[in-house]
Amino acid sequence: MANEGSLGKPLIALAALLLVAGTVLWWGHKVFAKAPPYMDKLMYGVYLQGNDIESKDAEDANTEEQCSKSCLQDSRCKAMSFVESQWGGGVCRLKDKVSARSSAWAAISAVKVFPR
C-alpha cells in the first residue's frame, strides 16, 4: 500500500505550478511586451510608388526626419517617401503598403519595421 503522505508532495507541487502559471498570465504581458515599430534606415534616391494615404502630420512635415516621425505616429502607415524641393522643404507621402521602388534623385524613403 502507498504511504498516506505520498500524494501530499505532488499536490503541493501542482498547486505551486498553478499559482506561478496564473501569476505569469497577470504580469507576463508587461515583461514580454513586444518592441514598438521603428523606421528602417533612410534610402536616398529611392521613391516608393503609389499607395499614398492622407495625413495632416505628413502635410506639415518639411524634412525626411519629420516625415519618418509622421509615419511612426500613423497606425495605417507602412512606409514613407519624402521628395525634397529645390526651394527647401518638400512633400511627405505616407504609404499604406510598401510598394515598388523607383529611382528619384530628390526622394528619400523609409519602411516601418514591426518587430516580432
N, C-alpha and C. Protein backbone atom coordinates (compact mmCIF):
# COMPACT_ATOMS: atom_id res chain seq x y z
N MET A 1 0.83 -1.17 0.00
CA MET A 1 0.00 0.00 0.00
C MET A 1 0.88 1.24 0.00
N ALA A 2 0.34 2.25 -0.61
CA ALA A 2 1.08 3.51 -0.70
C ALA A 2 1.08 4.21 0.64
N ASN A 3 2.08 4.96 0.86
CA ASN A 3 2.24 5.76 2.06
C ASN A 3 1.13 6.82 2.07
N GLU A 4 0.55 7.14 3.24
CA GLU A 4 -0.54 8.11 3.33
C GLU A 4 -0.12 9.49 2.85
N GLY A 5 1.11 9.89 3.04
CA GLY A 5 1.59 11.21 2.65
C GLY A 5 2.14 11.26 1.24
N SER A 6 2.01 10.18 0.47
CA SER A 6 2.62 10.14 -0.86
C SER A 6 1.96 11.08 -1.85
N LEU A 7 0.71 11.45 -1.65
CA LEU A 7 0.04 12.38 -2.55
C LEU A 7 0.28 13.84 -2.14
N GLY A 8 0.70 14.07 -0.94
CA GLY A 8 0.88 15.44 -0.45
C GLY A 8 1.88 16.24 -1.24
N LYS A 9 3.06 15.69 -1.46
CA LYS A 9 4.11 16.43 -2.18
C LYS A 9 3.72 16.73 -3.62
N PRO A 10 3.19 15.77 -4.39
CA PRO A 10 2.78 16.09 -5.77
C PRO A 10 1.67 17.14 -5.80
N LEU A 11 0.74 17.10 -4.85
CA LEU A 11 -0.35 18.09 -4.83
C LEU A 11 0.19 19.48 -4.51
N ILE A 12 1.14 19.56 -3.61
CA ILE A 12 1.75 20.85 -3.27
C ILE A 12 2.51 21.39 -4.48
N ALA A 13 3.22 20.52 -5.17
CA ALA A 13 3.96 20.93 -6.37
C ALA A 13 3.00 21.41 -7.46
N LEU A 14 1.89 20.72 -7.65
CA LEU A 14 0.88 21.11 -8.63
C LEU A 14 0.26 22.45 -8.27
N ALA A 15 -0.05 22.66 -7.02
CA ALA A 15 -0.63 23.93 -6.56
C ALA A 15 0.36 25.07 -6.79
N ALA A 16 1.61 24.85 -6.51
CA ALA A 16 2.64 25.88 -6.72
C ALA A 16 2.76 26.20 -8.21
N LEU A 17 2.75 25.17 -9.06
CA LEU A 17 2.84 25.37 -10.50
C LEU A 17 1.66 26.19 -11.02
N LEU A 18 0.46 25.86 -10.57
CA LEU A 18 -0.72 26.61 -11.00
C LEU A 18 -0.67 28.05 -10.52
N LEU A 19 -0.18 28.27 -9.33
CA LEU A 19 -0.05 29.63 -8.80
C LEU A 19 0.92 30.44 -9.65
N VAL A 20 2.08 29.86 -9.97
CA VAL A 20 3.08 30.56 -10.79
C VAL A 20 2.52 30.82 -12.19
N ALA A 21 1.88 29.83 -12.79
CA ALA A 21 1.32 29.99 -14.14
C ALA A 21 0.27 31.10 -14.16
N GLY A 22 -0.57 31.16 -13.16
CA GLY A 22 -1.58 32.21 -13.08
C GLY A 22 -0.96 33.58 -12.92
N THR A 23 0.11 33.66 -12.18
CA THR A 23 0.80 34.92 -11.97
C THR A 23 1.46 35.38 -13.26
N VAL A 24 2.04 34.46 -14.04
CA VAL A 24 2.67 34.82 -15.30
C VAL A 24 1.65 35.42 -16.25
N LEU A 25 0.44 34.87 -16.27
CA LEU A 25 -0.60 35.44 -17.12
C LEU A 25 -0.92 36.87 -16.71
N TRP A 26 -0.82 37.17 -15.44
CA TRP A 26 -1.13 38.51 -14.95
C TRP A 26 -0.04 39.51 -15.27
N TRP A 27 1.24 39.16 -15.06
CA TRP A 27 2.33 40.12 -15.27
C TRP A 27 3.16 39.83 -16.52
N GLY A 28 2.99 38.69 -17.13
CA GLY A 28 3.81 38.29 -18.26
C GLY A 28 3.73 39.24 -19.44
N HIS A 29 2.55 39.79 -19.70
CA HIS A 29 2.42 40.69 -20.84
C HIS A 29 3.24 41.96 -20.65
N LYS A 30 3.51 42.34 -19.41
CA LYS A 30 4.32 43.53 -19.15
C LYS A 30 5.80 43.23 -19.36
N VAL A 31 6.22 42.06 -18.97
CA VAL A 31 7.63 41.68 -19.08
C VAL A 31 7.98 41.30 -20.51
N PHE A 32 7.08 40.62 -21.20
CA PHE A 32 7.36 40.11 -22.53
C PHE A 32 6.68 40.90 -23.63
N ALA A 33 6.39 42.17 -23.38
CA ALA A 33 5.75 43.00 -24.39
C ALA A 33 6.69 43.13 -25.59
N LYS A 34 6.09 43.18 -26.80
CA LYS A 34 6.95 43.28 -27.97
C LYS A 34 7.37 44.73 -28.19
N ALA A 35 8.48 44.87 -28.86
CA ALA A 35 9.07 46.19 -29.11
C ALA A 35 8.18 47.00 -30.04
N PRO A 36 8.18 48.31 -29.90
CA PRO A 36 7.36 49.15 -30.78
C PRO A 36 7.96 49.22 -32.18
N PRO A 37 7.14 49.59 -33.17
CA PRO A 37 7.67 49.74 -34.53
C PRO A 37 8.72 50.85 -34.58
N TYR A 38 9.56 50.77 -35.59
CA TYR A 38 10.56 51.82 -35.82
C TYR A 38 10.77 51.95 -37.32
N MET A 39 11.36 53.06 -37.74
CA MET A 39 11.64 53.28 -39.16
C MET A 39 13.02 52.73 -39.49
N ASP A 40 13.08 51.97 -40.57
CA ASP A 40 14.35 51.43 -41.05
C ASP A 40 15.20 52.58 -41.60
N LYS A 41 16.40 52.30 -42.00
CA LYS A 41 17.32 53.35 -42.47
C LYS A 41 16.74 54.07 -43.69
N LEU A 42 17.09 55.35 -43.80
CA LEU A 42 16.64 56.16 -44.93
C LEU A 42 17.31 55.68 -46.21
N MET A 43 16.53 55.63 -47.29
CA MET A 43 17.04 55.23 -48.61
C MET A 43 17.04 56.47 -49.50
N TYR A 44 18.22 57.02 -49.73
CA TYR A 44 18.35 58.23 -50.55
C TYR A 44 18.28 57.87 -52.03
N GLY A 45 17.54 58.68 -52.80
CA GLY A 45 17.40 58.43 -54.22
C GLY A 45 16.37 57.37 -54.56
N VAL A 46 15.54 57.02 -53.57
CA VAL A 46 14.51 55.98 -53.78
C VAL A 46 13.13 56.58 -53.50
N TYR A 47 12.20 56.35 -54.42
CA TYR A 47 10.80 56.77 -54.24
C TYR A 47 9.93 55.51 -54.25
N LEU A 48 9.03 55.40 -53.28
CA LEU A 48 8.08 54.28 -53.21
C LEU A 48 6.80 54.73 -53.91
N GLN A 49 6.44 54.05 -54.97
CA GLN A 49 5.34 54.48 -55.83
C GLN A 49 3.98 54.11 -55.26
N GLY A 50 3.00 55.03 -55.41
CA GLY A 50 1.60 54.75 -55.09
C GLY A 50 1.31 54.52 -53.63
N ASN A 51 0.08 54.09 -53.36
CA ASN A 51 -0.41 53.72 -52.02
C ASN A 51 -0.34 54.87 -51.00
N ASP A 52 -0.51 56.11 -51.46
CA ASP A 52 -0.47 57.26 -50.56
C ASP A 52 -1.70 57.30 -49.67
N ILE A 53 -1.51 57.75 -48.42
CA ILE A 53 -2.62 57.97 -47.50
C ILE A 53 -2.61 59.43 -47.06
N GLU A 54 -3.79 59.95 -46.79
CA GLU A 54 -3.92 61.33 -46.33
C GLU A 54 -3.50 61.43 -44.87
N SER A 55 -2.75 62.49 -44.54
CA SER A 55 -2.33 62.69 -43.16
C SER A 55 -1.98 64.16 -42.96
N LYS A 56 -2.59 64.77 -41.96
CA LYS A 56 -2.29 66.16 -41.62
C LYS A 56 -0.84 66.28 -41.17
N ASP A 57 -0.35 65.30 -40.39
CA ASP A 57 1.05 65.33 -39.94
C ASP A 57 2.00 65.30 -41.13
N ALA A 58 1.67 64.53 -42.16
CA ALA A 58 2.53 64.45 -43.35
C ALA A 58 2.53 65.79 -44.08
N GLU A 59 1.39 66.47 -44.12
CA GLU A 59 1.31 67.77 -44.78
C GLU A 59 2.23 68.79 -44.11
N ASP A 60 2.43 68.66 -42.80
CA ASP A 60 3.26 69.60 -42.05
C ASP A 60 4.73 69.21 -42.01
N ALA A 61 5.09 68.04 -42.53
CA ALA A 61 6.48 67.56 -42.48
C ALA A 61 7.32 68.27 -43.54
N ASN A 62 8.40 68.90 -43.11
CA ASN A 62 9.27 69.63 -44.03
C ASN A 62 10.65 69.00 -44.20
N THR A 63 10.90 67.88 -43.54
CA THR A 63 12.17 67.16 -43.67
C THR A 63 11.87 65.67 -43.71
N GLU A 64 12.87 64.90 -44.12
CA GLU A 64 12.68 63.44 -44.14
C GLU A 64 12.53 62.88 -42.74
N GLU A 65 13.18 63.50 -41.75
CA GLU A 65 13.04 63.06 -40.35
C GLU A 65 11.62 63.28 -39.85
N GLN A 66 11.04 64.44 -40.17
CA GLN A 66 9.66 64.72 -39.76
C GLN A 66 8.69 63.79 -40.48
N CYS A 67 8.98 63.47 -41.73
CA CYS A 67 8.14 62.54 -42.49
C CYS A 67 8.19 61.14 -41.86
N SER A 68 9.38 60.70 -41.48
CA SER A 68 9.52 59.41 -40.80
C SER A 68 8.73 59.39 -39.50
N LYS A 69 8.83 60.47 -38.74
CA LYS A 69 8.10 60.57 -37.47
C LYS A 69 6.59 60.52 -37.71
N SER A 70 6.13 61.17 -38.77
CA SER A 70 4.70 61.14 -39.11
C SER A 70 4.25 59.72 -39.41
N CYS A 71 5.09 58.97 -40.11
CA CYS A 71 4.76 57.57 -40.41
C CYS A 71 4.68 56.74 -39.14
N LEU A 72 5.62 56.94 -38.23
CA LEU A 72 5.61 56.19 -36.97
C LEU A 72 4.35 56.46 -36.16
N GLN A 73 3.85 57.69 -36.22
CA GLN A 73 2.69 58.08 -35.42
C GLN A 73 1.36 57.66 -36.04
N ASP A 74 1.36 57.27 -37.31
CA ASP A 74 0.13 56.89 -38.01
C ASP A 74 0.06 55.37 -38.10
N SER A 75 -0.94 54.78 -37.48
CA SER A 75 -1.05 53.32 -37.45
C SER A 75 -1.28 52.71 -38.83
N ARG A 76 -1.77 53.49 -39.78
CA ARG A 76 -2.01 52.99 -41.14
C ARG A 76 -0.73 52.94 -41.96
N CYS A 77 0.26 53.71 -41.57
CA CYS A 77 1.47 53.88 -42.37
C CYS A 77 2.41 52.68 -42.28
N LYS A 78 2.88 52.24 -43.45
CA LYS A 78 3.84 51.14 -43.54
C LYS A 78 5.18 51.59 -44.12
N ALA A 79 5.17 52.76 -44.78
CA ALA A 79 6.38 53.31 -45.38
C ALA A 79 6.15 54.78 -45.70
N MET A 80 7.24 55.47 -46.07
CA MET A 80 7.11 56.88 -46.44
C MET A 80 8.12 57.23 -47.51
N SER A 81 7.76 58.25 -48.30
CA SER A 81 8.69 58.85 -49.25
C SER A 81 8.61 60.35 -49.09
N PHE A 82 9.76 60.98 -49.00
CA PHE A 82 9.85 62.44 -48.89
C PHE A 82 10.56 62.93 -50.14
N VAL A 83 9.94 63.87 -50.85
CA VAL A 83 10.53 64.43 -52.06
C VAL A 83 10.96 65.85 -51.75
N GLU A 84 12.27 66.06 -51.79
CA GLU A 84 12.82 67.38 -51.47
C GLU A 84 12.51 68.38 -52.59
N SER A 85 12.25 69.61 -52.15
CA SER A 85 12.02 70.69 -53.09
C SER A 85 13.33 71.45 -53.30
N GLN A 86 13.53 71.99 -54.48
CA GLN A 86 14.75 72.76 -54.73
C GLN A 86 14.75 74.08 -53.96
N TRP A 87 13.60 74.50 -53.44
CA TRP A 87 13.48 75.74 -52.68
C TRP A 87 13.47 75.48 -51.17
N GLY A 88 13.79 74.30 -50.74
CA GLY A 88 13.77 73.93 -49.33
C GLY A 88 12.49 73.21 -48.98
N GLY A 89 12.53 72.42 -47.93
CA GLY A 89 11.35 71.64 -47.55
C GLY A 89 11.10 70.52 -48.54
N GLY A 90 9.85 70.17 -48.69
CA GLY A 90 9.49 69.11 -49.62
C GLY A 90 8.11 68.57 -49.33
N VAL A 91 7.80 67.44 -49.94
CA VAL A 91 6.49 66.83 -49.81
C VAL A 91 6.65 65.44 -49.20
N CYS A 92 5.87 65.19 -48.14
CA CYS A 92 5.90 63.91 -47.46
C CYS A 92 4.71 63.06 -47.91
N ARG A 93 4.98 61.84 -48.33
CA ARG A 93 3.93 60.91 -48.74
C ARG A 93 4.00 59.67 -47.84
N LEU A 94 2.95 59.48 -47.05
CA LEU A 94 2.86 58.26 -46.24
C LEU A 94 2.20 57.18 -47.09
N LYS A 95 2.63 55.94 -46.89
CA LYS A 95 2.16 54.81 -47.70
C LYS A 95 1.52 53.74 -46.82
N ASP A 96 0.38 53.20 -47.28
CA ASP A 96 -0.26 52.13 -46.50
C ASP A 96 0.23 50.74 -46.93
N LYS A 97 1.10 50.70 -47.93
CA LYS A 97 1.74 49.46 -48.37
C LYS A 97 3.15 49.80 -48.83
N VAL A 98 4.04 48.86 -48.68
CA VAL A 98 5.40 49.04 -49.22
C VAL A 98 5.31 48.66 -50.69
N SER A 99 5.52 49.65 -51.54
CA SER A 99 5.30 49.46 -52.97
C SER A 99 6.60 49.39 -53.74
N ALA A 100 6.46 49.33 -55.06
CA ALA A 100 7.62 49.25 -55.96
C ALA A 100 8.51 50.47 -55.78
N ARG A 101 9.81 50.24 -55.88
CA ARG A 101 10.79 51.32 -55.74
C ARG A 101 11.20 51.83 -57.12
N SER A 102 11.40 53.13 -57.16
CA SER A 102 11.95 53.72 -58.38
C SER A 102 13.04 54.70 -57.98
N SER A 103 13.92 54.99 -58.93
CA SER A 103 14.99 55.95 -58.67
C SER A 103 14.47 57.36 -58.84
N ALA A 104 14.80 58.22 -57.90
CA ALA A 104 14.42 59.62 -57.98
C ALA A 104 15.45 60.40 -57.16
N TRP A 105 16.23 61.24 -57.79
CA TRP A 105 17.35 61.90 -57.12
C TRP A 105 16.92 62.74 -55.93
N ALA A 106 15.70 63.28 -55.93
CA ALA A 106 15.26 64.16 -54.85
C ALA A 106 14.43 63.43 -53.79
N ALA A 107 14.31 62.12 -53.90
CA ALA A 107 13.45 61.36 -52.99
C ALA A 107 14.26 60.66 -51.89
N ILE A 108 13.64 60.57 -50.72
CA ILE A 108 14.20 59.85 -49.59
C ILE A 108 13.07 59.01 -49.01
N SER A 109 13.27 57.72 -48.87
CA SER A 109 12.21 56.83 -48.41
C SER A 109 12.68 55.98 -47.24
N ALA A 110 11.70 55.43 -46.53
CA ALA A 110 11.98 54.50 -45.43
C ALA A 110 10.77 53.61 -45.23
N VAL A 111 11.02 52.44 -44.68
CA VAL A 111 9.97 51.44 -44.42
C VAL A 111 9.84 51.27 -42.91
N LYS A 112 8.62 51.15 -42.43
CA LYS A 112 8.37 50.92 -41.00
C LYS A 112 8.59 49.44 -40.69
N VAL A 113 9.33 49.18 -39.62
CA VAL A 113 9.65 47.81 -39.20
C VAL A 113 8.79 47.47 -37.98
N PHE A 114 8.15 46.31 -38.04
CA PHE A 114 7.32 45.83 -36.93
C PHE A 114 8.01 44.62 -36.30
N PRO A 115 8.74 44.83 -35.19
CA PRO A 115 9.45 43.71 -34.56
C PRO A 115 8.47 42.63 -34.09
N ARG A 116 8.93 41.40 -34.07
CA ARG A 116 8.07 40.30 -33.63
C ARG A 116 8.21 40.09 -32.14
